[in-house]
mmCIF file of all heavy atoms, coordinates in Angstrom:
data_MODEL
# 
_entry.id   MODEL 
# 
loop_
_atom_site.group_PDB 
_atom_site.id 
_atom_site.type_symbol 
_atom_site.label_atom_id 
_atom_site.label_alt_id 
_atom_site.label_comp_id 
_atom_site.label_asym_id 
_atom_site.label_entity_id 
_atom_site.label_seq_id 
_atom_site.pdbx_PDB_ins_code 
_atom_site.Cartn_x 
_atom_site.Cartn_y 
_atom_site.Cartn_z 
_atom_site.occupancy 
_atom_site.B_iso_or_equiv 
_atom_site.pdbx_formal_charge 
_atom_site.auth_seq_id 
_atom_site.auth_comp_id 
_atom_site.auth_asym_id 
_atom_site.auth_atom_id 
_atom_site.pdbx_PDB_model_num 
ATOM 1   N N   . ARG A 1 1  ? 19.368 6.226  -134.006 1.00 0.00 ? 1  ARG A N   1 
ATOM 2   C CA  . ARG A 1 1  ? 20.510 5.590  -134.666 1.00 0.00 ? 1  ARG A CA  1 
ATOM 3   C C   . ARG A 1 1  ? 21.706 6.512  -134.757 1.00 0.00 ? 1  ARG A C   1 
ATOM 4   O O   . ARG A 1 1  ? 22.836 6.078  -134.633 1.00 0.00 ? 1  ARG A O   1 
ATOM 5   C CB  . ARG A 1 1  ? 20.120 5.107  -136.035 1.00 0.00 ? 1  ARG A CB  1 
ATOM 6   C CG  . ARG A 1 1  ? 21.233 4.380  -136.767 1.00 0.00 ? 1  ARG A CG  1 
ATOM 7   C CD  . ARG A 1 1  ? 20.730 3.732  -138.077 1.00 0.00 ? 1  ARG A CD  1 
ATOM 8   N NE  . ARG A 1 1  ? 21.834 3.156  -138.814 1.00 0.00 ? 1  ARG A NE  1 
ATOM 9   C CZ  . ARG A 1 1  ? 22.424 2.006  -138.538 1.00 0.00 ? 1  ARG A CZ  1 
ATOM 10  N NH1 . ARG A 1 1  ? 21.964 1.289  -137.525 1.00 0.00 ? 1  ARG A NH1 1 
ATOM 11  N NH2 . ARG A 1 1  ? 23.403 1.568  -139.276 1.00 0.00 ? 1  ARG A NH2 1 
ATOM 12  N N   . ASP A 1 2  ? 21.460 7.831  -134.920 1.00 0.00 ? 2  ASP A N   1 
ATOM 13  C CA  . ASP A 1 2  ? 22.551 8.746  -135.093 1.00 0.00 ? 2  ASP A CA  1 
ATOM 14  C C   . ASP A 1 2  ? 23.442 8.869  -133.842 1.00 0.00 ? 2  ASP A C   1 
ATOM 15  O O   . ASP A 1 2  ? 24.633 9.063  -133.937 1.00 0.00 ? 2  ASP A O   1 
ATOM 16  C CB  . ASP A 1 2  ? 22.039 10.153 -135.473 1.00 0.00 ? 2  ASP A CB  1 
ATOM 17  C CG  . ASP A 1 2  ? 21.546 10.151 -136.893 1.00 0.00 ? 2  ASP A CG  1 
ATOM 18  O OD1 . ASP A 1 2  ? 21.867 9.233  -137.683 1.00 0.00 ? 2  ASP A OD1 1 
ATOM 19  O OD2 . ASP A 1 2  ? 20.797 11.071 -137.303 1.00 0.00 ? 2  ASP A OD2 1 
ATOM 20  N N   . SER A 1 3  ? 22.829 8.720  -132.672 1.00 0.00 ? 3  SER A N   1 
ATOM 21  C CA  . SER A 1 3  ? 23.679 8.750  -131.429 1.00 0.00 ? 3  SER A CA  1 
ATOM 22  C C   . SER A 1 3  ? 24.602 7.571  -131.385 1.00 0.00 ? 3  SER A C   1 
ATOM 23  O O   . SER A 1 3  ? 25.734 7.707  -130.980 1.00 0.00 ? 3  SER A O   1 
ATOM 24  C CB  . SER A 1 3  ? 22.786 8.789  -130.199 1.00 0.00 ? 3  SER A CB  1 
ATOM 25  O OG  . SER A 1 3  ? 22.221 10.048 -129.981 1.00 0.00 ? 3  SER A OG  1 
ATOM 26  N N   . LEU A 1 4  ? 24.125 6.435  -131.869 1.00 0.00 ? 4  LEU A N   1 
ATOM 27  C CA  . LEU A 1 4  ? 25.006 5.248  -131.967 1.00 0.00 ? 4  LEU A CA  1 
ATOM 28  C C   . LEU A 1 4  ? 26.087 5.489  -132.983 1.00 0.00 ? 4  LEU A C   1 
ATOM 29  O O   . LEU A 1 4  ? 27.291 5.123  -132.710 1.00 0.00 ? 4  LEU A O   1 
ATOM 30  C CB  . LEU A 1 4  ? 24.158 4.036  -132.333 1.00 0.00 ? 4  LEU A CB  1 
ATOM 31  C CG  . LEU A 1 4  ? 24.963 2.724  -132.541 1.00 0.00 ? 4  LEU A CG  1 
ATOM 32  C CD1 . LEU A 1 4  ? 25.670 2.266  -131.268 1.00 0.00 ? 4  LEU A CD1 1 
ATOM 33  C CD2 . LEU A 1 4  ? 23.984 1.616  -133.009 1.00 0.00 ? 4  LEU A CD2 1 
ATOM 34  N N   . VAL A 1 5  ? 25.770 6.031  -134.084 1.00 0.00 ? 5  VAL A N   1 
ATOM 35  C CA  . VAL A 1 5  ? 26.774 6.321  -135.129 1.00 0.00 ? 5  VAL A CA  1 
ATOM 36  C C   . VAL A 1 5  ? 27.833 7.258  -134.615 1.00 0.00 ? 5  VAL A C   1 
ATOM 37  O O   . VAL A 1 5  ? 29.067 7.041  -134.802 1.00 0.00 ? 5  VAL A O   1 
ATOM 38  C CB  . VAL A 1 5  ? 26.077 6.920  -136.411 1.00 0.00 ? 5  VAL A CB  1 
ATOM 39  C CG1 . VAL A 1 5  ? 27.104 7.460  -137.382 1.00 0.00 ? 5  VAL A CG1 1 
ATOM 40  C CG2 . VAL A 1 5  ? 25.221 5.828  -137.077 1.00 0.00 ? 5  VAL A CG2 1 
ATOM 41  N N   . VAL A 1 6  ? 27.440 8.366  -133.973 1.00 0.00 ? 6  VAL A N   1 
ATOM 42  C CA  . VAL A 1 6  ? 28.360 9.376  -133.511 1.00 0.00 ? 6  VAL A CA  1 
ATOM 43  C C   . VAL A 1 6  ? 29.254 8.782  -132.357 1.00 0.00 ? 6  VAL A C   1 
ATOM 44  O O   . VAL A 1 6  ? 30.439 8.999  -132.325 1.00 0.00 ? 6  VAL A O   1 
ATOM 45  C CB  . VAL A 1 6  ? 27.592 10.620 -133.008 1.00 0.00 ? 6  VAL A CB  1 
ATOM 46  C CG1 . VAL A 1 6  ? 28.573 11.581 -132.306 1.00 0.00 ? 6  VAL A CG1 1 
ATOM 47  C CG2 . VAL A 1 6  ? 26.942 11.316 -134.197 1.00 0.00 ? 6  VAL A CG2 1 
ATOM 48  N N   . SER A 1 7  ? 28.620 7.997  -131.452 1.00 0.00 ? 7  SER A N   1 
ATOM 49  C CA  . SER A 1 7  ? 29.375 7.444  -130.364 1.00 0.00 ? 7  SER A CA  1 
ATOM 50  C C   . SER A 1 7  ? 30.430 6.437  -130.892 1.00 0.00 ? 7  SER A C   1 
ATOM 51  O O   . SER A 1 7  ? 31.551 6.403  -130.357 1.00 0.00 ? 7  SER A O   1 
ATOM 52  C CB  . SER A 1 7  ? 28.443 6.738  -129.375 1.00 0.00 ? 7  SER A CB  1 
ATOM 53  O OG  . SER A 1 7  ? 27.523 7.645  -128.795 1.00 0.00 ? 7  SER A OG  1 
ATOM 54  N N   . GLN A 1 8  ? 30.076 5.635  -131.902 1.00 0.00 ? 8  GLN A N   1 
ATOM 55  C CA  . GLN A 1 8  ? 31.049 4.724  -132.474 1.00 0.00 ? 8  GLN A CA  1 
ATOM 56  C C   . GLN A 1 8  ? 32.179 5.508  -133.141 1.00 0.00 ? 8  GLN A C   1 
ATOM 57  O O   . GLN A 1 8  ? 33.349 5.136  -133.064 1.00 0.00 ? 8  GLN A O   1 
ATOM 58  C CB  . GLN A 1 8  ? 30.394 3.790  -133.515 1.00 0.00 ? 8  GLN A CB  1 
ATOM 59  C CG  . GLN A 1 8  ? 31.298 2.702  -134.019 1.00 0.00 ? 8  GLN A CG  1 
ATOM 60  C CD  . GLN A 1 8  ? 31.693 1.771  -132.906 1.00 0.00 ? 8  GLN A CD  1 
ATOM 61  O OE1 . GLN A 1 8  ? 30.823 1.097  -132.335 1.00 0.00 ? 8  GLN A OE1 1 
ATOM 62  N NE2 . GLN A 1 8  ? 33.021 1.709  -132.650 1.00 0.00 ? 8  GLN A NE2 1 
ATOM 63  N N   . LEU A 1 9  ? 31.873 6.630  -133.779 1.00 0.00 ? 9  LEU A N   1 
ATOM 64  C CA  . LEU A 1 9  ? 32.906 7.458  -134.391 1.00 0.00 ? 9  LEU A CA  1 
ATOM 65  C C   . LEU A 1 9  ? 33.873 7.964  -133.324 1.00 0.00 ? 9  LEU A C   1 
ATOM 66  O O   . LEU A 1 9  ? 35.088 8.015  -133.553 1.00 0.00 ? 9  LEU A O   1 
ATOM 67  C CB  . LEU A 1 9  ? 32.282 8.619  -135.159 1.00 0.00 ? 9  LEU A CB  1 
ATOM 68  C CG  . LEU A 1 9  ? 33.280 9.602  -135.815 1.00 0.00 ? 9  LEU A CG  1 
ATOM 69  C CD1 . LEU A 1 9  ? 34.023 8.895  -136.921 1.00 0.00 ? 9  LEU A CD1 1 
ATOM 70  C CD2 . LEU A 1 9  ? 32.534 10.832 -136.340 1.00 0.00 ? 9  LEU A CD2 1 
ATOM 71  N N   . VAL A 1 10 ? 33.317 8.345  -132.189 1.00 0.00 ? 10 VAL A N   1 
ATOM 72  C CA  . VAL A 1 10 ? 34.188 8.807  -131.088 1.00 0.00 ? 10 VAL A CA  1 
ATOM 73  C C   . VAL A 1 10 ? 35.147 7.711  -130.640 1.00 0.00 ? 10 VAL A C   1 
ATOM 74  O O   . VAL A 1 10 ? 36.388 7.944  -130.507 1.00 0.00 ? 10 VAL A O   1 
ATOM 75  C CB  . VAL A 1 10 ? 33.320 9.288  -129.847 1.00 0.00 ? 10 VAL A CB  1 
ATOM 76  C CG1 . VAL A 1 10 ? 34.216 9.547  -128.670 1.00 0.00 ? 10 VAL A CG1 1 
ATOM 77  C CG2 . VAL A 1 10 ? 32.541 10.558 -130.254 1.00 0.00 ? 10 VAL A CG2 1 
ATOM 78  N N   . ALA A 1 11 ? 34.580 6.499  -130.449 1.00 0.00 ? 11 ALA A N   1 
ATOM 79  C CA  . ALA A 1 11 ? 35.457 5.382  -130.030 1.00 0.00 ? 11 ALA A CA  1 
ATOM 80  C C   . ALA A 1 11 ? 36.550 5.076  -131.060 1.00 0.00 ? 11 ALA A C   1 
ATOM 81  O O   . ALA A 1 11 ? 37.702 4.883  -130.749 1.00 0.00 ? 11 ALA A O   1 
ATOM 82  C CB  . ALA A 1 11 ? 34.566 4.151  -129.805 1.00 0.00 ? 11 ALA A CB  1 
ATOM 83  N N   . ASP A 1 12 ? 36.151 5.062  -132.356 1.00 0.00 ? 12 ASP A N   1 
ATOM 84  C CA  . ASP A 1 12 ? 37.098 4.767  -133.383 1.00 0.00 ? 12 ASP A CA  1 
ATOM 85  C C   . ASP A 1 12 ? 38.182 5.849  -133.509 1.00 0.00 ? 12 ASP A C   1 
ATOM 86  O O   . ASP A 1 12 ? 39.366 5.551  -133.778 1.00 0.00 ? 12 ASP A O   1 
ATOM 87  C CB  . ASP A 1 12 ? 36.393 4.598  -134.718 1.00 0.00 ? 12 ASP A CB  1 
ATOM 88  C CG  . ASP A 1 12 ? 35.501 3.355  -134.771 1.00 0.00 ? 12 ASP A CG  1 
ATOM 89  O OD1 . ASP A 1 12 ? 35.633 2.482  -133.942 1.00 0.00 ? 12 ASP A OD1 1 
ATOM 90  O OD2 . ASP A 1 12 ? 34.600 3.322  -135.655 1.00 0.00 ? 12 ASP A OD2 1 
ATOM 91  N N   . ALA A 1 13 ? 37.775 7.104  -133.357 1.00 0.00 ? 13 ALA A N   1 
ATOM 92  C CA  . ALA A 1 13 ? 38.721 8.198  -133.415 1.00 0.00 ? 13 ALA A CA  1 
ATOM 93  C C   . ALA A 1 13 ? 39.741 8.136  -132.243 1.00 0.00 ? 13 ALA A C   1 
ATOM 94  O O   . ALA A 1 13 ? 40.932 8.314  -132.505 1.00 0.00 ? 13 ALA A O   1 
ATOM 95  C CB  . ALA A 1 13 ? 37.980 9.538  -133.388 1.00 0.00 ? 13 ALA A CB  1 
ATOM 96  N N   . LEU A 1 14 ? 39.273 7.858  -131.062 1.00 0.00 ? 14 LEU A N   1 
ATOM 97  C CA  . LEU A 1 14 ? 40.169 7.715  -129.938 1.00 0.00 ? 14 LEU A CA  1 
ATOM 98  C C   . LEU A 1 14 ? 41.163 6.562  -130.159 1.00 0.00 ? 14 LEU A C   1 
ATOM 99  O O   . LEU A 1 14 ? 42.347 6.695  -129.902 1.00 0.00 ? 14 LEU A O   1 
ATOM 100 C CB  . LEU A 1 14 ? 39.386 7.470  -128.653 1.00 0.00 ? 14 LEU A CB  1 
ATOM 101 C CG  . LEU A 1 14 ? 38.673 8.698  -128.077 1.00 0.00 ? 14 LEU A CG  1 
ATOM 102 C CD1 . LEU A 1 14 ? 37.719 8.255  -126.930 1.00 0.00 ? 14 LEU A CD1 1 
ATOM 103 C CD2 . LEU A 1 14 ? 39.622 9.698  -127.529 1.00 0.00 ? 14 LEU A CD2 1 
ATOM 104 N N   . ALA A 1 15 ? 40.639 5.434  -130.671 1.00 0.00 ? 15 ALA A N   1 
ATOM 105 C CA  . ALA A 1 15 ? 41.496 4.286  -130.908 1.00 0.00 ? 15 ALA A CA  1 
ATOM 106 C C   . ALA A 1 15 ? 42.535 4.612  -131.969 1.00 0.00 ? 15 ALA A C   1 
ATOM 107 O O   . ALA A 1 15 ? 43.611 4.006  -131.999 1.00 0.00 ? 15 ALA A O   1 
ATOM 108 C CB  . ALA A 1 15 ? 40.647 3.111  -131.384 1.00 0.00 ? 15 ALA A CB  1 
ATOM 109 N N   . SER A 1 16 ? 42.252 5.545  -132.841 1.00 0.00 ? 16 SER A N   1 
ATOM 110 C CA  . SER A 1 16 ? 43.183 5.923  -133.918 1.00 0.00 ? 16 SER A CA  1 
ATOM 111 C C   . SER A 1 16 ? 44.171 7.037  -133.525 1.00 0.00 ? 16 SER A C   1 
ATOM 112 O O   . SER A 1 16 ? 44.970 7.491  -134.298 1.00 0.00 ? 16 SER A O   1 
ATOM 113 C CB  . SER A 1 16 ? 42.421 6.343  -135.179 1.00 0.00 ? 16 SER A CB  1 
ATOM 114 O OG  . SER A 1 16 ? 41.692 5.279  -135.670 1.00 0.00 ? 16 SER A OG  1 
ATOM 115 N N   . GLY A 1 17 ? 44.025 7.518  -132.287 1.00 0.00 ? 17 GLY A N   1 
ATOM 116 C CA  . GLY A 1 17 ? 44.971 8.532  -131.749 1.00 0.00 ? 17 GLY A CA  1 
ATOM 117 C C   . GLY A 1 17 ? 44.503 9.928  -131.753 1.00 0.00 ? 17 GLY A C   1 
ATOM 118 O O   . GLY A 1 17 ? 45.277 10.850 -131.464 1.00 0.00 ? 17 GLY A O   1 
ATOM 119 N N   . ALA A 1 18 ? 43.233 10.184 -132.083 1.00 0.00 ? 18 ALA A N   1 
ATOM 120 C CA  . ALA A 1 18 ? 42.745 11.558 -132.064 1.00 0.00 ? 18 ALA A CA  1 
ATOM 121 C C   . ALA A 1 18 ? 42.633 12.065 -130.631 1.00 0.00 ? 18 ALA A C   1 
ATOM 122 O O   . ALA A 1 18 ? 42.369 11.305 -129.685 1.00 0.00 ? 18 ALA A O   1 
ATOM 123 C CB  . ALA A 1 18 ? 41.366 11.611 -132.726 1.00 0.00 ? 18 ALA A CB  1 
ATOM 124 N N   . SER A 1 19 ? 42.811 13.333 -130.468 1.00 0.00 ? 19 SER A N   1 
ATOM 125 C CA  . SER A 1 19 ? 42.736 13.918 -129.147 1.00 0.00 ? 19 SER A CA  1 
ATOM 126 C C   . SER A 1 19 ? 41.299 14.254 -128.780 1.00 0.00 ? 19 SER A C   1 
ATOM 127 O O   . SER A 1 19 ? 40.490 14.557 -129.639 1.00 0.00 ? 19 SER A O   1 
ATOM 128 C CB  . SER A 1 19 ? 43.530 15.232 -129.070 1.00 0.00 ? 19 SER A CB  1 
ATOM 129 O OG  . SER A 1 19 ? 42.901 16.273 -129.750 1.00 0.00 ? 19 SER A OG  1 
ATOM 130 N N   . PRO A 1 20 ? 40.942 14.198 -127.452 1.00 0.00 ? 20 PRO A N   1 
ATOM 131 C CA  . PRO A 1 20 ? 39.543 14.508 -127.094 1.00 0.00 ? 20 PRO A CA  1 
ATOM 132 C C   . PRO A 1 20 ? 39.154 15.892 -127.515 1.00 0.00 ? 20 PRO A C   1 
ATOM 133 O O   . PRO A 1 20 ? 37.976 16.088 -127.939 1.00 0.00 ? 20 PRO A O   1 
ATOM 134 C CB  . PRO A 1 20 ? 39.611 14.428 -125.580 1.00 0.00 ? 20 PRO A CB  1 
ATOM 135 C CG  . PRO A 1 20 ? 40.766 13.464 -125.287 1.00 0.00 ? 20 PRO A CG  1 
ATOM 136 C CD  . PRO A 1 20 ? 41.754 13.746 -126.370 1.00 0.00 ? 20 PRO A CD  1 
ATOM 137 N N   . SER A 1 21 ? 40.034 16.894 -127.483 1.00 0.00 ? 21 SER A N   1 
ATOM 138 C CA  . SER A 1 21 ? 39.655 18.239 -127.854 1.00 0.00 ? 21 SER A CA  1 
ATOM 139 C C   . SER A 1 21 ? 39.291 18.324 -129.343 1.00 0.00 ? 21 SER A C   1 
ATOM 140 O O   . SER A 1 21 ? 38.361 19.027 -129.753 1.00 0.00 ? 21 SER A O   1 
ATOM 141 C CB  . SER A 1 21 ? 40.762 19.254 -127.528 1.00 0.00 ? 21 SER A CB  1 
ATOM 142 O OG  . SER A 1 21 ? 41.940 18.909 -128.218 1.00 0.00 ? 21 SER A OG  1 
ATOM 143 N N   . ASP A 1 22 ? 40.061 17.623 -130.184 1.00 0.00 ? 22 ASP A N   1 
ATOM 144 C CA  . ASP A 1 22 ? 39.781 17.652 -131.615 1.00 0.00 ? 22 ASP A CA  1 
ATOM 145 C C   . ASP A 1 22 ? 38.434 16.966 -131.886 1.00 0.00 ? 22 ASP A C   1 
ATOM 146 O O   . ASP A 1 22 ? 37.661 17.393 -132.756 1.00 0.00 ? 22 ASP A O   1 
ATOM 147 C CB  . ASP A 1 22 ? 40.895 16.961 -132.426 1.00 0.00 ? 22 ASP A CB  1 
ATOM 148 C CG  . ASP A 1 22 ? 42.110 17.860 -132.601 1.00 0.00 ? 22 ASP A CG  1 
ATOM 149 O OD1 . ASP A 1 22 ? 41.914 19.098 -132.679 1.00 0.00 ? 22 ASP A OD1 1 
ATOM 150 O OD2 . ASP A 1 22 ? 43.202 17.343 -132.613 1.00 0.00 ? 22 ASP A OD2 1 
ATOM 151 N N   . ILE A 1 23 ? 38.181 15.835 -131.200 1.00 0.00 ? 23 ILE A N   1 
ATOM 152 C CA  . ILE A 1 23 ? 36.924 15.132 -131.415 1.00 0.00 ? 23 ILE A CA  1 
ATOM 153 C C   . ILE A 1 23 ? 35.747 15.996 -131.041 1.00 0.00 ? 23 ILE A C   1 
ATOM 154 O O   . ILE A 1 23 ? 34.786 16.130 -131.772 1.00 0.00 ? 23 ILE A O   1 
ATOM 155 C CB  . ILE A 1 23 ? 36.886 13.830 -130.575 1.00 0.00 ? 23 ILE A CB  1 
ATOM 156 C CG1 . ILE A 1 23 ? 37.934 12.887 -131.108 1.00 0.00 ? 23 ILE A CG1 1 
ATOM 157 C CG2 . ILE A 1 23 ? 35.533 13.181 -130.633 1.00 0.00 ? 23 ILE A CG2 1 
ATOM 158 C CD1 . ILE A 1 23 ? 38.187 11.640 -130.258 1.00 0.00 ? 23 ILE A CD1 1 
ATOM 159 N N   . LYS A 1 24 ? 35.795 16.654 -129.852 1.00 0.00 ? 24 LYS A N   1 
ATOM 160 C CA  . LYS A 1 24 ? 34.693 17.492 -129.433 1.00 0.00 ? 24 LYS A CA  1 
ATOM 161 C C   . LYS A 1 24 ? 34.553 18.689 -130.356 1.00 0.00 ? 24 LYS A C   1 
ATOM 162 O O   . LYS A 1 24 ? 33.411 19.182 -130.584 1.00 0.00 ? 24 LYS A O   1 
ATOM 163 C CB  . LYS A 1 24 ? 34.962 17.938 -127.969 1.00 0.00 ? 24 LYS A CB  1 
ATOM 164 C CG  . LYS A 1 24 ? 34.840 16.815 -126.980 1.00 0.00 ? 24 LYS A CG  1 
ATOM 165 C CD  . LYS A 1 24 ? 35.167 17.248 -125.562 1.00 0.00 ? 24 LYS A CD  1 
ATOM 166 C CE  . LYS A 1 24 ? 34.072 18.124 -124.930 1.00 0.00 ? 24 LYS A CE  1 
ATOM 167 N NZ  . LYS A 1 24 ? 32.861 17.311 -124.628 1.00 0.00 ? 24 LYS A NZ  1 
ATOM 168 N N   . HIS A 1 25 ? 35.663 19.193 -130.874 1.00 0.00 ? 25 HIS A N   1 
ATOM 169 C CA  . HIS A 1 25 ? 35.629 20.281 -131.800 1.00 0.00 ? 25 HIS A CA  1 
ATOM 170 C C   . HIS A 1 25 ? 34.856 19.953 -133.108 1.00 0.00 ? 25 HIS A C   1 
ATOM 171 O O   . HIS A 1 25 ? 34.146 20.759 -133.633 1.00 0.00 ? 25 HIS A O   1 
ATOM 172 C CB  . HIS A 1 25 ? 37.016 20.723 -132.134 1.00 0.00 ? 25 HIS A CB  1 
ATOM 173 C CG  . HIS A 1 25 ? 37.134 21.875 -133.136 1.00 0.00 ? 25 HIS A CG  1 
ATOM 174 N ND1 . HIS A 1 25 ? 37.198 21.661 -134.435 1.00 0.00 ? 25 HIS A ND1 1 
ATOM 175 C CD2 . HIS A 1 25 ? 37.141 23.199 -132.929 1.00 0.00 ? 25 HIS A CD2 1 
ATOM 176 C CE1 . HIS A 1 25 ? 37.275 22.821 -135.112 1.00 0.00 ? 25 HIS A CE1 1 
ATOM 177 N NE2 . HIS A 1 25 ? 37.254 23.781 -134.223 1.00 0.00 ? 25 HIS A NE2 1 
ATOM 178 N N   . ASP A 1 26 ? 35.027 18.714 -133.562 1.00 0.00 ? 26 ASP A N   1 
ATOM 179 C CA  . ASP A 1 26 ? 34.470 18.328 -134.844 1.00 0.00 ? 26 ASP A CA  1 
ATOM 180 C C   . ASP A 1 26 ? 33.079 17.708 -134.788 1.00 0.00 ? 26 ASP A C   1 
ATOM 181 O O   . ASP A 1 26 ? 32.394 17.677 -135.850 1.00 0.00 ? 26 ASP A O   1 
ATOM 182 C CB  . ASP A 1 26 ? 35.377 17.254 -135.518 1.00 0.00 ? 26 ASP A CB  1 
ATOM 183 C CG  . ASP A 1 26 ? 36.754 17.860 -135.911 1.00 0.00 ? 26 ASP A CG  1 
ATOM 184 O OD1 . ASP A 1 26 ? 36.814 19.056 -136.135 1.00 0.00 ? 26 ASP A OD1 1 
ATOM 185 O OD2 . ASP A 1 26 ? 37.716 17.084 -135.910 1.00 0.00 ? 26 ASP A OD2 1 
ATOM 186 N N   . LEU A 1 27 ? 32.612 17.290 -133.642 1.00 0.00 ? 27 LEU A N   1 
ATOM 187 C CA  . LEU A 1 27 ? 31.370 16.574 -133.530 1.00 0.00 ? 27 LEU A CA  1 
ATOM 188 C C   . LEU A 1 27 ? 30.164 17.366 -134.034 1.00 0.00 ? 27 LEU A C   1 
ATOM 189 O O   . LEU A 1 27 ? 29.253 16.790 -134.614 1.00 0.00 ? 27 LEU A O   1 
ATOM 190 C CB  . LEU A 1 27 ? 31.102 16.060 -132.122 1.00 0.00 ? 27 LEU A CB  1 
ATOM 191 C CG  . LEU A 1 27 ? 31.889 14.788 -131.737 1.00 0.00 ? 27 LEU A CG  1 
ATOM 192 C CD1 . LEU A 1 27 ? 31.439 14.364 -130.350 1.00 0.00 ? 27 LEU A CD1 1 
ATOM 193 C CD2 . LEU A 1 27 ? 31.645 13.692 -132.736 1.00 0.00 ? 27 LEU A CD2 1 
ATOM 194 N N   . PRO A 1 28 ? 30.090 18.695 -133.794 1.00 0.00 ? 28 PRO A N   1 
ATOM 195 C CA  . PRO A 1 28 ? 28.906 19.402 -134.305 1.00 0.00 ? 28 PRO A CA  1 
ATOM 196 C C   . PRO A 1 28 ? 28.705 19.287 -135.781 1.00 0.00 ? 28 PRO A C   1 
ATOM 197 O O   . PRO A 1 28 ? 27.542 19.175 -136.231 1.00 0.00 ? 28 PRO A O   1 
ATOM 198 C CB  . PRO A 1 28 ? 29.206 20.869 -133.860 1.00 0.00 ? 28 PRO A CB  1 
ATOM 199 C CG  . PRO A 1 28 ? 30.113 20.778 -132.719 1.00 0.00 ? 28 PRO A CG  1 
ATOM 200 C CD  . PRO A 1 28 ? 30.914 19.542 -132.949 1.00 0.00 ? 28 PRO A CD  1 
# 
């Protein structure tokens, strides 16, 4: 379930204007 949760967070963050580098930086 956590992979689904994290993947949805990635999609929502991109839709809100976050940069790929910031997303990858924060995911850990």
